Amino acid sequence: MSENIAQTVQKVIQDLVAPDVRELKTLVTNLQSQLIHVETSLQKQIDQRFDAQDKKVDAQFKALDQKTDAQFRALMSALGEFKAQSELTTVRVISQLSERVAVLEARR
């Protein structure tokens, strides 16, 4: 008789609980699929935003690099001009001194 009760309880569990368990498994599987889809979608959005920011930062660095290069070239040009002016002034001074020395030597 205890076998009969055990079989009856087993049948009741299979009839009542098993369909709910199967339904819950289906719901969990569907939920997992939805979560995977949402995660994939969010990852794509994050990647797109990151790429956009990366391009923006790259463009800013490129602009800054170009500005720095232009300023460096202007500075080098100014230094070159200053050097040329300095050499010209030195040549003028030396020329004047040479003329004076030539006059003094001519007097001897």
PDB file of N, CA and C in Angstrom:
ATOM      1  N   MET A   1       0.805  -1.184   0.000  1.00  0.00           N
ATOM      2  CA  MET A   1       0.000   0.000   0.000  1.00  0.00           C
ATOM      3  C   MET A   1       0.861   1.268   0.000  1.00  0.00           C
ATOM      4  N   SER A   2       2.024   1.229   0.680  1.00  0.00           N
ATOM      5  CA  SER A   2       2.886   2.405   0.693  1.00  0.00           C
ATOM      6  C   SER A   2       3.427   2.677  -0.709  1.00  0.00           C
ATOM      7  N   GLU A   3       3.601   1.621  -1.511  1.00  0.00           N
ATOM      8  CA  GLU A   3       4.017   1.824  -2.886  1.00  0.00           C
ATOM      9  C   GLU A   3       2.922   2.524  -3.666  1.00  0.00           C
ATOM     10  N   ASN A   4       1.732   2.177  -3.369  1.00  0.00           N
ATOM     11  CA  ASN A   4       0.590   2.784  -4.040  1.00  0.00           C
ATOM     12  C   ASN A   4       0.497   4.274  -3.684  1.00  0.00           C
ATOM     13  N   ILE A   5       0.768   4.622  -2.416  1.00  0.00           N
ATOM     14  CA  ILE A   5       0.726   6.030  -1.978  1.00  0.00           C
ATOM     15  C   ILE A   5       1.879   6.787  -2.634  1.00  0.00           C
ATOM     16  N   ALA A   6       3.052   6.160  -2.679  1.00  0.00           N
ATOM     17  CA  ALA A   6       4.206   6.801  -3.293  1.00  0.00           C
ATOM     18  C   ALA A   6       3.951   7.044  -4.773  1.00  0.00           C
ATOM     19  N   GLN A   7       3.364   6.078  -5.433  1.00  0.00           N
ATOM     20  CA  GLN A   7       3.050   6.242  -6.850  1.00  0.00           C
ATOM     21  C   GLN A   7       2.005   7.338  -7.058  1.00  0.00           C
ATOM     22  N   THR A   8       1.062   7.393  -6.161  1.00  0.00           N
ATOM     23  CA  THR A   8       0.008   8.415  -6.255  1.00  0.00           C
ATOM     24  C   THR A   8       0.611   9.812  -6.067  1.00  0.00           C
ATOM     25  N   VAL A   9       1.479   9.936  -5.042  1.00  0.00           N
ATOM     26  CA  VAL A   9       2.129  11.234  -4.793  1.00  0.00           C
ATOM     27  C   VAL A   9       3.003  11.607  -6.002  1.00  0.00           C
ATOM     28  N   GLN A  10       3.728  10.644  -6.541  1.00  0.00           N
ATOM     29  CA  GLN A  10       4.570  10.897  -7.706  1.00  0.00           C
ATOM     30  C   GLN A  10       3.712  11.356  -8.880  1.00  0.00           C
ATOM     31  N   LYS A  11       2.603  10.711  -9.107  1.00  0.00           N
ATOM     32  CA  LYS A  11       1.713  11.077 -10.214  1.00  0.00           C
ATOM     33  C   LYS A  11       1.139  12.464 -10.010  1.00  0.00           C
ATOM     34  N   VAL A  12       0.769  12.777  -8.755  1.00  0.00           N
ATOM     35  CA  VAL A  12       0.226  14.110  -8.463  1.00  0.00           C
ATOM     36  C   VAL A  12       1.304  15.178  -8.725  1.00  0.00           C
ATOM     37  N   ILE A  13       2.520  14.897  -8.291  1.00  0.00           N
ATOM     38  CA  ILE A  13       3.626  15.852  -8.511  1.00  0.00           C
ATOM     39  C   ILE A  13       3.865  16.016 -10.004  1.00  0.00           C
ATOM     40  N   GLN A  14       3.886  14.925 -10.740  1.00  0.00           N
ATOM     41  CA  GLN A  14       4.112  15.020 -12.174  1.00  0.00           C
ATOM     42  C   GLN A  14       2.978  15.778 -12.864  1.00  0.00           C
ATOM     43  N   ASP A  15       1.775  15.552 -12.395  1.00  0.00           N
ATOM     44  CA  ASP A  15       0.631  16.210 -13.025  1.00  0.00           C
ATOM     45  C   ASP A  15       0.530  17.693 -12.664  1.00  0.00           C
ATOM     46  N   LEU A  16       0.906  18.044 -11.429  1.00  0.00           N
ATOM     47  CA  LEU A  16       0.740  19.424 -10.969  1.00  0.00           C
ATOM     48  C   LEU A  16       2.006  20.269 -11.089  1.00  0.00           C
ATOM     49  N   VAL A  17       3.129  19.729 -10.682  1.00  0.00           N
ATOM     50  CA  VAL A  17       4.364  20.511 -10.598  1.00  0.00           C
ATOM     51  C   VAL A  17       5.131  20.506 -11.925  1.00  0.00           C
ATOM     52  N   ALA A  18       5.187  19.373 -12.590  1.00  0.00           N
ATOM     53  CA  ALA A  18       5.991  19.261 -13.812  1.00  0.00           C
ATOM     54  C   ALA A  18       5.591  20.290 -14.872  1.00  0.00           C
ATOM     55  N   PRO A  19       4.330  20.511 -15.147  1.00  0.00           N
ATOM     56  CA  PRO A  19       3.983  21.533 -16.158  1.00  0.00           C
ATOM     57  C   PRO A  19       4.450  22.937 -15.741  1.00  0.00           C
ATOM     58  N   ASP A  20       4.340  23.239 -14.446  1.00  0.00           N
ATOM     59  CA  ASP A  20       4.808  24.554 -13.966  1.00  0.00           C
ATOM     60  C   ASP A  20       6.321  24.671 -14.107  1.00  0.00           C
ATOM     61  N   VAL A  21       7.039  23.590 -13.824  1.00  0.00           N
ATOM     62  CA  VAL A  21       8.490  23.606 -13.947  1.00  0.00           C
ATOM     63  C   VAL A  21       8.884  23.806 -15.418  1.00  0.00           C
ATOM     64  N   ARG A  22       8.206  23.085 -16.307  1.00  0.00           N
ATOM     65  CA  ARG A  22       8.488  23.246 -17.733  1.00  0.00           C
ATOM     66  C   ARG A  22       8.195  24.676 -18.190  1.00  0.00           C
ATOM     67  N   GLU A  23       7.107  25.238 -17.724  1.00  0.00           N
ATOM     68  CA  GLU A  23       6.749  26.617 -18.075  1.00  0.00           C
ATOM     69  C   GLU A  23       7.802  27.595 -17.532  1.00  0.00           C
ATOM     70  N   LEU A  24       8.260  27.340 -16.298  1.00  0.00           N
ATOM     71  CA  LEU A  24       9.288  28.198 -15.716  1.00  0.00           C
ATOM     72  C   LEU A  24      10.591  28.091 -16.498  1.00  0.00           C
ATOM     73  N   LYS A  25      10.943  26.883 -16.927  1.00  0.00           N
ATOM     74  CA  LYS A  25      12.147  26.710 -17.733  1.00  0.00           C
ATOM     75  C   LYS A  25      12.034  27.504 -19.032  1.00  0.00           C
ATOM     76  N   THR A  26      10.891  27.456 -19.653  1.00  0.00           N
ATOM     77  CA  THR A  26      10.664  28.203 -20.891  1.00  0.00           C
ATOM     78  C   THR A  26      10.777  29.704 -20.641  1.00  0.00           C
ATOM     79  N   LEU A  27      10.177  30.162 -19.549  1.00  0.00           N
ATOM     80  CA  LEU A  27      10.244  31.588 -19.218  1.00  0.00           C
ATOM     81  C   LEU A  27      11.690  32.034 -18.948  1.00  0.00           C
ATOM     82  N   VAL A  28      12.438  31.212 -18.229  1.00  0.00           N
ATOM     83  CA  VAL A  28      13.832  31.537 -17.934  1.00  0.00           C
ATOM     84  C   VAL A  28      14.645  31.567 -19.232  1.00  0.00           C
ATOM     85  N   THR A  29      14.422  30.611 -20.109  1.00  0.00           N
ATOM     86  CA  THR A  29      15.130  30.578 -21.385  1.00  0.00           C
ATOM     87  C   THR A  29      14.807  31.826 -22.213  1.00  0.00           C
ATOM     88  N   ASN A  30      13.535  32.207 -22.260  1.00  0.00           N
ATOM     89  CA  ASN A  30      13.137  33.416 -22.988  1.00  0.00           C
ATOM     90  C   ASN A  30      13.770  34.666 -22.370  1.00  0.00           C
ATOM     91  N   LEU A  31      13.785  34.720 -21.060  1.00  0.00           N
ATOM     92  CA  LEU A  31      14.377  35.855 -20.357  1.00  0.00           C
ATOM     93  C   LEU A  31      15.872  35.939 -20.639  1.00  0.00           C
ATOM     94  N   GLN A  32      16.538  34.794 -20.640  1.00  0.00           N
ATOM     95  CA  GLN A  32      17.967  34.773 -20.961  1.00  0.00           C
ATOM     96  C   GLN A  32      18.202  35.296 -22.382  1.00  0.00           C
ATOM     97  N   SER A  33      17.379  34.883 -23.311  1.00  0.00           N
ATOM     98  CA  SER A  33      17.509  35.349 -24.698  1.00  0.00           C
ATOM     99  C   SER A  33      17.309  36.854 -24.786  1.00  0.00           C
ATOM    100  N   GLN A  34      16.312  37.358 -24.076  1.00  0.00           N
ATOM    101  CA  GLN A  34      16.062  38.799 -24.077  1.00  0.00           C
ATOM    102  C   GLN A  34      17.238  39.559 -23.461  1.00  0.00           C
ATOM    103  N   LEU A  35      17.780  39.045 -22.376  1.00  0.00           N
ATOM    104  CA  LEU A  35      18.916  39.696 -21.732  1.00  0.00           C
ATOM    105  C   LEU A  35      20.136  39.714 -22.648  1.00  0.00           C
ATOM    106  N   ILE A  36      20.362  38.626 -23.349  1.00  0.00           N
ATOM    107  CA  ILE A  36      21.482  38.573 -24.291  1.00  0.00           C
ATOM    108  C   ILE A  36      21.281  39.609 -25.395  1.00  0.00           C
ATOM    109  N   HIS A  37      20.045  39.707 -25.890  1.00  0.00           N
ATOM    110  CA  HIS A  37      19.741  40.692 -26.938  1.00  0.00           C
ATOM    111  C   HIS A  37      19.959  42.121 -26.427  1.00  0.00           C
ATOM    112  N   VAL A  38      19.493  42.405 -25.215  1.00  0.00           N
ATOM    113  CA  VAL A  38      19.672  43.742 -24.634  1.00  0.00           C
ATOM    114  C   VAL A  38      21.152  44.028 -24.416  1.00  0.00           C
ATOM    115  N   GLU A  39      21.876  43.054 -23.911  1.00  0.00           N
ATOM    116  CA  GLU A  39      23.310  43.241 -23.675  1.00  0.00           C
ATOM    117  C   GLU A  39      24.039  43.535 -24.986  1.00  0.00           C
ATOM    118  N   THR A  40      23.719  42.796 -26.036  1.00  0.00           N
ATOM    119  CA  THR A  40      24.335  43.001 -27.342  1.00  0.00           C
ATOM    120  C   THR A  40      24.022  44.396 -27.874  1.00  0.00           C
ATOM    121  N   SER A  41      22.775  44.792 -27.732  1.00  0.00           N
ATOM    122  CA  SER A  41      22.358  46.119 -28.191  1.00  0.00           C
ATOM    123  C   SER A  41      23.082  47.222 -27.426  1.00  0.00           C
ATOM    124  N   LEU A  42      23.153  47.078 -26.125  1.00  0.00           N
ATOM    125  CA  LEU A  42      23.849  48.072 -25.306  1.00  0.00           C
ATOM    126  C   LEU A  42      25.335  48.116 -25.642  1.00  0.00           C
ATOM    127  N   GLN A  43      25.938  46.965 -25.868  1.00  0.00           N
ATOM    128  CA  GLN A  43      27.352  46.925 -26.215  1.00  0.00           C
ATOM    129  C   GLN A  43      27.603  47.645 -27.533  1.00  0.00           C
ATOM    130  N   LYS A  44      26.702  47.466 -28.507  1.00  0.00           N
ATOM    131  CA  LYS A  44      26.849  48.163 -29.789  1.00  0.00           C
ATOM    132  C   LYS A  44      26.752  49.671 -29.585  1.00  0.00           C
ATOM    133  N   GLN A  45      25.803  50.109 -28.753  1.00  0.00           N
ATOM    134  CA  GLN A  45      25.652  51.545 -28.490  1.00  0.00           C
ATOM    135  C   GLN A  45      26.897  52.099 -27.806  1.00  0.00           C
ATOM    136  N   ILE A  46      27.410  51.360 -26.847  1.00  0.00           N
ATOM    137  CA  ILE A  46      28.617  51.799 -26.135  1.00  0.00           C
ATOM    138  C   ILE A  46      29.791  51.880 -27.104  1.00  0.00           C
ATOM    139  N   ASP A  47      29.929  50.873 -27.957  1.00  0.00           N
ATOM    140  CA  ASP A  47      31.023  50.873 -28.942  1.00  0.00           C
ATOM    141  C   ASP A  47      30.902  52.069 -29.886  1.00  0.00           C
ATOM    142  N   GLN A  48      29.682  52.366 -30.340  1.00  0.00           N
ATOM    143  CA  GLN A  48      29.485  53.496 -31.251  1.00  0.00           C
ATOM    144  C   GLN A  48      29.837  54.814 -30.565  1.00  0.00           C
ATOM    145  N   ARG A  49      29.395  54.970 -29.331  1.00  0.00           N
ATOM    146  CA  ARG A  49      29.696  56.205 -28.600  1.00  0.00           C
ATOM    147  C   ARG A  49      31.200  56.318 -28.342  1.00  0.00           C
ATOM    148  N   PHE A  50      31.815  55.218 -27.987  1.00  0.00           N
ATOM    149  CA  PHE A  50      33.263  55.239 -27.744  1.00  0.00           C
ATOM    150  C   PHE A  50      34.012  55.607 -29.020  1.00  0.00           C
ATOM    151  N   ASP A  51      33.606  55.001 -30.138  1.00  0.00           N
ATOM    152  CA  ASP A  51      34.263  55.310 -31.410  1.00  0.00           C
ATOM    153  C   ASP A  51      34.094  56.784 -31.765  1.00  0.00           C
ATOM    154  N   ALA A  52      32.901  57.328 -31.536  1.00  0.00           N
ATOM    155  CA  ALA A  52      32.659  58.745 -31.828  1.00  0.00           C
ATOM    156  C   ALA A  52      33.554  59.630 -30.958  1.00  0.00           C
ATOM    157  N   GLN A  53      33.644  59.318 -29.679  1.00  0.00           N
ATOM    158  CA  GLN A  53      34.497  60.100 -28.775  1.00  0.00           C
ATOM    159  C   GLN A  53      35.969  59.949 -29.165  1.00  0.00           C
ATOM    160  N   ASP A  54      36.354  58.743 -29.549  1.00  0.00           N
ATOM    161  CA  ASP A  54      37.734  58.489 -29.947  1.00  0.00           C
ATOM    162  C   ASP A  54      38.090  59.331 -31.170  1.00  0.00           C
ATOM    163  N   LYS A  55      37.185  59.383 -32.148  1.00  0.00           N
ATOM    164  CA  LYS A  55      37.428  60.190 -33.346  1.00  0.00           C
ATOM    165  C   LYS A  55      37.493  61.672 -32.990  1.00  0.00           C
ATOM    166  N   LYS A  56      36.628  62.100 -32.080  1.00  0.00           N
ATOM    167  CA  LYS A  56      36.613  63.505 -31.666  1.00  0.00           C
ATOM    168  C   LYS A  56      37.934  63.874 -30.992  1.00  0.00           C
ATOM    169  N   VAL A  57      38.410  63.025 -30.103  1.00  0.00           N
ATOM    170  CA  VAL A  57      39.675  63.284 -29.407  1.00  0.00           C
ATOM    171  C   VAL A  57      40.831  63.259 -30.405  1.00  0.00           C
ATOM    172  N   ASP A  58      40.814  62.314 -31.336  1.00  0.00           N
ATOM    173  CA  ASP A  58      41.864  62.252 -32.363  1.00  0.00           C
ATOM    174  C   ASP A  58      41.894  63.541 -33.187  1.00  0.00           C
ATOM    175  N   ALA A  59      40.718  64.041 -33.549  1.00  0.00           N
ATOM    176  CA  ALA A  59      40.647  65.275 -34.330  1.00  0.00           C
ATOM    177  C   ALA A  59      41.191  66.453 -33.524  1.00  0.00           C
ATOM    178  N   GLN A  60      40.884  66.485 -32.238  1.00  0.00           N
ATOM    179  CA  GLN A  60      41.391  67.571 -31.394  1.00  0.00           C
ATOM    180  C   GLN A  60      42.913  67.490 -31.275  1.00  0.00           C
ATOM    181  N   PHE A  61      43.441  66.289 -31.102  1.00  0.00           N
ATOM    182  CA  PHE A  61      44.891  66.129 -31.031  1.00  0.00           C
ATOM    183  C   PHE A  61      45.556  66.524 -32.349  1.00  0.00           C
ATOM    184  N   LYS A  62      44.932  66.154 -33.457  1.00  0.00           N
ATOM    185  CA  LYS A  62      45.492  66.497 -34.761  1.00  0.00           C
ATOM    186  C   LYS A  62      45.519  68.019 -34.940  1.00  0.00           C
ATOM    187  N   ALA A  63      44.430  68.684 -34.573  1.00  0.00           N
ATOM    188  CA  ALA A  63      44.372  70.146 -34.681  1.00  0.00           C
ATOM    189  C   ALA A  63      45.425  70.790 -33.785  1.00  0.00           C
ATOM    190  N   LEU A  64      45.561  70.274 -32.577  1.00  0.00           N
ATOM    191  CA  LEU A  64      46.567  70.808 -31.654  1.00  0.00           C
ATOM    192  C   LEU A  64      47.971  70.572 -32.191  1.00  0.00           C
ATOM    193  N   ASP A  65      48.197  69.411 -32.775  1.00  0.00           N
ATOM    194  CA  ASP A  65      49.501  69.090 -33.351  1.00  0.00           C
ATOM    195  C   ASP A  65      49.830  70.040 -34.506  1.00  0.00           C
ATOM    196  N   GLN A  66      48.836  70.300 -35.357  1.00  0.00           N
ATOM    197  CA  GLN A  66      49.051  71.221 -36.476  1.00  0.00           C
ATOM    198  C   GLN A  66      49.342  72.636 -35.969  1.00  0.00           C
ATOM    199  N   LYS A  67      48.604  73.055 -34.954  1.00  0.00           N
ATOM    200  CA  LYS A  67      48.817  74.390 -34.386  1.00  0.00           C
ATOM    201  C   LYS A  67      50.217  74.487 -33.786  1.00  0.00           C
ATOM    202  N   THR A  68      50.614  73.455 -33.061  1.00  0.00           N
ATOM    203  CA  THR A  68      51.944  73.438 -32.448  1.00  0.00           C
ATOM    204  C   THR A  68      53.033  73.460 -33.520  1.00  0.00           C
ATOM    205  N   ASP A  69      52.841  72.689 -34.589  1.00  0.00           N
ATOM    206  CA  ASP A  69      53.819  72.681 -35.686  1.00  0.00           C
ATOM    207  C   ASP A  69      53.930  74.066 -36.324  1.00  0.00           C
ATOM    208  N   ALA A  70      52.799  74.714 -36.543  1.00  0.00           N
ATOM    209  CA  ALA A  70      52.818  76.054 -37.144  1.00  0.00           C
ATOM    210  C   ALA A  70      53.533  77.039 -36.232  1.00  0.00           C
ATOM    211  N   GLN A  71      53.265  76.952 -34.940  1.00  0.00           N
ATOM    212  CA  GLN A  71      53.931  77.845 -33.993  1.00  0.00           C
ATOM    213  C   GLN A  71      55.437  77.568 -33.946  1.00  0.00           C
ATOM    214  N   PHE A  72      55.812  76.314 -34.009  1.00  0.00           N
ATOM    215  CA  PHE A  72      57.232  75.953 -34.003  1.00  0.00           C
ATOM    216  C   PHE A  72      57.924  76.492 -35.253  1.00  0.00           C
ATOM    217  N   ARG A  73      57.277  76.332 -36.410  1.00  0.00           N
ATOM    218  CA  ARG A  73      57.863  76.849 -37.649  1.00  0.00           C
ATOM    219  C   ARG A  73      58.007  78.373 -37.582  1.00  0.00           C
ATOM    220  N   ALA A  74      57.003  79.049 -37.031  1.00  0.00           N
ATOM    221  CA  ALA A  74      57.078  80.510 -36.892  1.00  0.00           C
ATOM    222  C   ALA A  74      58.216  80.897 -35.954  1.00  0.00           C
ATOM    223  N   LEU A  75      58.373  80.168 -34.869  1.00  0.00           N
ATOM    224  CA  LEU A  75      59.459  80.447 -33.930  1.00  0.00           C
ATOM    225  C   LEU A  75      60.824  80.230 -34.581  1.00  0.00           C
ATOM    226  N   MET A  76      60.952  79.128 -35.322  1.00  0.00           N
ATOM    227  CA  MET A  76      62.224  78.854 -35.998  1.00  0.00           C
ATOM    228  C   MET A  76      62.521  79.929 -37.047  1.00  0.00           C
ATOM    229  N   SER A  77      61.502  80.386 -37.738  1.00  0.00           N
ATOM    230  CA  SER A  77      61.674  81.448 -38.723  1.00  0.00           C
ATOM    231  C   SER A  77      62.123  82.734 -38.042  1.00  0.00           C
ATOM    232  N   ALA A  78      61.488  83.065 -36.918  1.00  0.00           N
ATOM    233  CA  ALA A  78      61.865  84.267 -36.171  1.00  0.00           C
ATOM    234  C   ALA A  78      63.297  84.157 -35.659  1.00  0.00           C
ATOM    235  N   LEU A  79      63.673  82.980 -35.176  1.00  0.00           N
ATOM    236  CA  LEU A  79      65.048  82.782 -34.713  1.00  0.00           C
ATOM    237  C   LEU A  79      66.042  82.920 -35.861  1.00  0.00           C
ATOM    238  N   GLY A  80      65.695  82.383 -37.024  1.00  0.00           N
ATOM    239  CA  GLY A  80      66.558  82.500 -38.195  1.00  0.00           C
ATOM    240  C   GLY A  80      66.721  83.957 -38.603  1.00  0.00           C
ATOM    241  N   GLU A  81      65.615  84.692 -38.596  1.00  0.00           N
ATOM    242  CA  GLU A  81      65.677  86.113 -38.940  1.00  0.00           C
ATOM    243  C   GLU A  81      66.513  86.877 -37.921  1.00  0.00           C
ATOM    244  N   PHE A  82      66.334  86.556 -36.642  1.00  0.00           N
ATOM    245  CA  PHE A  82      67.122  87.217 -35.600  1.00  0.00           C
ATOM    246  C   PHE A  82      68.606  86.937 -35.784  1.00  0.00           C
ATOM    247  N   LYS A  83      68.921  85.681 -36.110  1.00  0.00           N
ATOM    248  CA  LYS A  83      70.327  85.310 -36.328  1.00  0.00           C
ATOM    249  C   LYS A  83      70.898  86.080 -37.513  1.00  0.00           C
ATOM    250  N   ALA A  84      70.127  86.182 -38.588  1.00  0.00           N
ATOM    251  CA  ALA A  84      70.593  86.909 -39.773  1.00  0.00           C
ATOM    252  C   ALA A  84      70.808  88.385 -39.438  1.00  0.00           C
ATOM    253  N   GLN A  85      69.863  88.976 -38.707  1.00  0.00           N
ATOM    254  CA  GLN A  85      70.007  90.381 -38.312  1.00  0.00           C
ATOM    255  C   GLN A  85      71.236  90.563 -37.421  1.00  0.00           C
ATOM    256  N   SER A  86      71.433  89.629 -36.510  1.00  0.00           N
ATOM    257  CA  SER A  86      72.583  89.696 -35.606  1.00  0.00           C
ATOM    258  C   SER A  86      73.888  89.601 -36.390  1.00  0.00           C
ATOM    259  N   GLU A  87      73.945  88.696 -37.344  1.00  0.00           N
ATOM    260  CA  GLU A  87      75.149  88.557 -38.161  1.00  0.00           C
ATOM    261  C   GLU A  87      75.379  89.802 -39.008  1.00  0.00           C
ATOM    262  N   LEU A  88      74.297  90.372 -39.536  1.00  0.00           N
ATOM    263  CA  LEU A  88      74.410  91.586 -40.327  1.00  0.00           C
ATOM    264  C   LEU A  88      74.949  92.737 -39.475  1.00  0.00           C
ATOM    265  N   THR A  89      74.438  92.873 -38.264  1.00  0.00           N
ATOM    266  CA  THR A  89      74.926  93.907 -37.352  1.00  0.00           C
ATOM    267  C   THR A  89      76.396  93.682 -37.042  1.00  0.00           C
ATOM    268  N   THR A  90      76.766  92.431 -36.801  1.00  0.00           N
ATOM    269  CA  THR A  90      78.169  92.109 -36.509  1.00  0.00           C
ATOM    270  C   THR A  90      79.051  92.454 -37.702  1.00  0.00           C
ATOM    271  N   VAL A  91      78.615  92.144 -38.903  1.00  0.00           N
ATOM    272  CA  VAL A  91      79.385  92.451 -40.112  1.00  0.00           C
ATOM    273  C   VAL A  91      79.544  93.963 -40.258  1.00  0.00           C
ATOM    274  N   ARG A  92      78.479  94.722 -39.978  1.00  0.00           N
ATOM    275  CA  ARG A  92      78.554  96.180 -40.072  1.00  0.00           C
ATOM    276  C   ARG A  92      79.564  96.741 -39.073  1.00  0.00           C
ATOM    277  N   VAL A  93      79.500  96.238 -37.847  1.00  0.00           N
ATOM    278  CA  VAL A  93      80.430  96.713 -36.811  1.00  0.00           C
ATOM    279  C   VAL A  93      81.861  96.372 -37.202  1.00  0.00           C
ATOM    280  N   ILE A  94      82.063  95.139 -37.646  1.00  0.00           N
ATOM    281  CA  ILE A  94      83.407  94.714 -38.049  1.00  0.00           C
ATOM    282  C   ILE A  94      83.880  95.540 -39.241  1.00  0.00           C
ATOM    283  N   SER A  95      82.979  95.825 -40.174  1.00  0.00           N
ATOM    284  CA  SER A  95      83.337  96.619 -41.346  1.00  0.00           C
ATOM    285  C   SER A  95      83.786  98.017 -40.932  1.00  0.00           C
ATOM    286  N   GLN A  96      83.019  98.619 -40.019  1.00  0.00           N
ATOM    287  CA  GLN A  96      83.389  99.950 -39.543  1.00  0.00           C
ATOM    288  C   GLN A  96      84.740  99.912 -38.819  1.00  0.00           C
ATOM    289  N   LEU A  97      84.912  98.881 -37.996  1.00  0.00           N
ATOM    290  CA  LEU A  97      86.197  98.751 -37.285  1.00  0.00           C
ATOM    291  C   LEU A  97      87.346  98.513 -38.259  1.00  0.00           C
ATOM    292  N   SER A  98      87.116  97.755 -39.300  1.00  0.00           N
ATOM    293  CA  SER A  98      88.144  97.488 -40.308  1.00  0.00           C
ATOM    294  C   SER A  98      88.546  98.775 -41.009  1.00  0.00           C
ATOM    295  N   GLU A  99      87.546  99.598 -41.312  1.00  0.00           N
ATOM    296  CA  GLU A  99      87.850 100.878 -41.949  1.00  0.00           C
ATOM    297  C   GLU A  99      88.698 101.745 -41.030  1.00  0.00           C
ATOM    298  N   ARG A 100      88.356 101.796 -39.755  1.00  0.00           N
ATOM    299  CA  ARG A 100      89.121 102.596 -38.791  1.00  0.00           C
ATOM    300  C   ARG A 100      90.557 102.068 -38.657  1.00  0.00           C
ATOM    301  N   VAL A 101      90.664 100.723 -38.595  1.00  0.00           N
ATOM    302  CA  VAL A 101      92.004 100.125 -38.486  1.00  0.00           C
ATOM    303  C   VAL A 101      92.801 100.460 -39.742  1.00  0.00           C
ATOM    304  N   ALA A 102      92.175 100.393 -40.890  1.00  0.00           N
ATOM    305  CA  ALA A 102      92.852 100.705 -42.156  1.00  0.00           C
ATOM    306  C   ALA A 102      93.329 102.157 -42.151  1.00  0.00           C
ATOM    307  N   VAL A 103      92.523 103.061 -41.630  1.00  0.00           N
ATOM    308  CA  VAL A 103      92.921 104.475 -41.548  1.00  0.00           C
ATOM    309  C   VAL A 103      94.091 104.627 -40.616  1.00  0.00           C
ATOM    310  N   LEU A 104      94.043 103.988 -39.452  1.00  0.00           N
ATOM    311  CA  LEU A 104      95.135 104.072 -38.481  1.00  0.00           C
ATOM    312  C   LEU A 104      96.419 103.487 -39.041  1.00  0.00           C
ATOM    313  N   GLU A 105      96.326 102.362 -39.752  1.00  0.00           N
ATOM    314  CA  GLU A 105      97.512 101.746 -40.343  1.00  0.00           C
ATOM    315  C   GLU A 105      98.083 102.630 -41.438  1.00  0.00           C
ATOM    316  N   ALA A 106      97.222 103.315 -42.163  1.00  0.00           N
ATOM    317  CA  ALA A 106      97.686 104.196 -43.234  1.00  0.00           C
ATOM    318  C   ALA A 106      98.452 105.383 -42.670  1.00  0.00           C
ATOM    319  N   ARG A 107      98.133 105.790 -41.460  1.00  0.00           N
ATOM    320  CA  ARG A 107      98.801 106.922 -40.820  1.00  0.00           C
ATOM    321  C   ARG A 107     100.197 106.545 -40.371  1.00  0.00           C
ATOM    322  N   ARG A 108     100.493 105.347 -40.106  1.00  0.00           N
ATOM    323  CA  ARG A 108     101.795 104.937 -39.591  1.00  0.00           C
ATOM    324  C   ARG A 108     102.831 105.131 -40.569  1.00  0.00           C
TER     325      ARG A 108
END
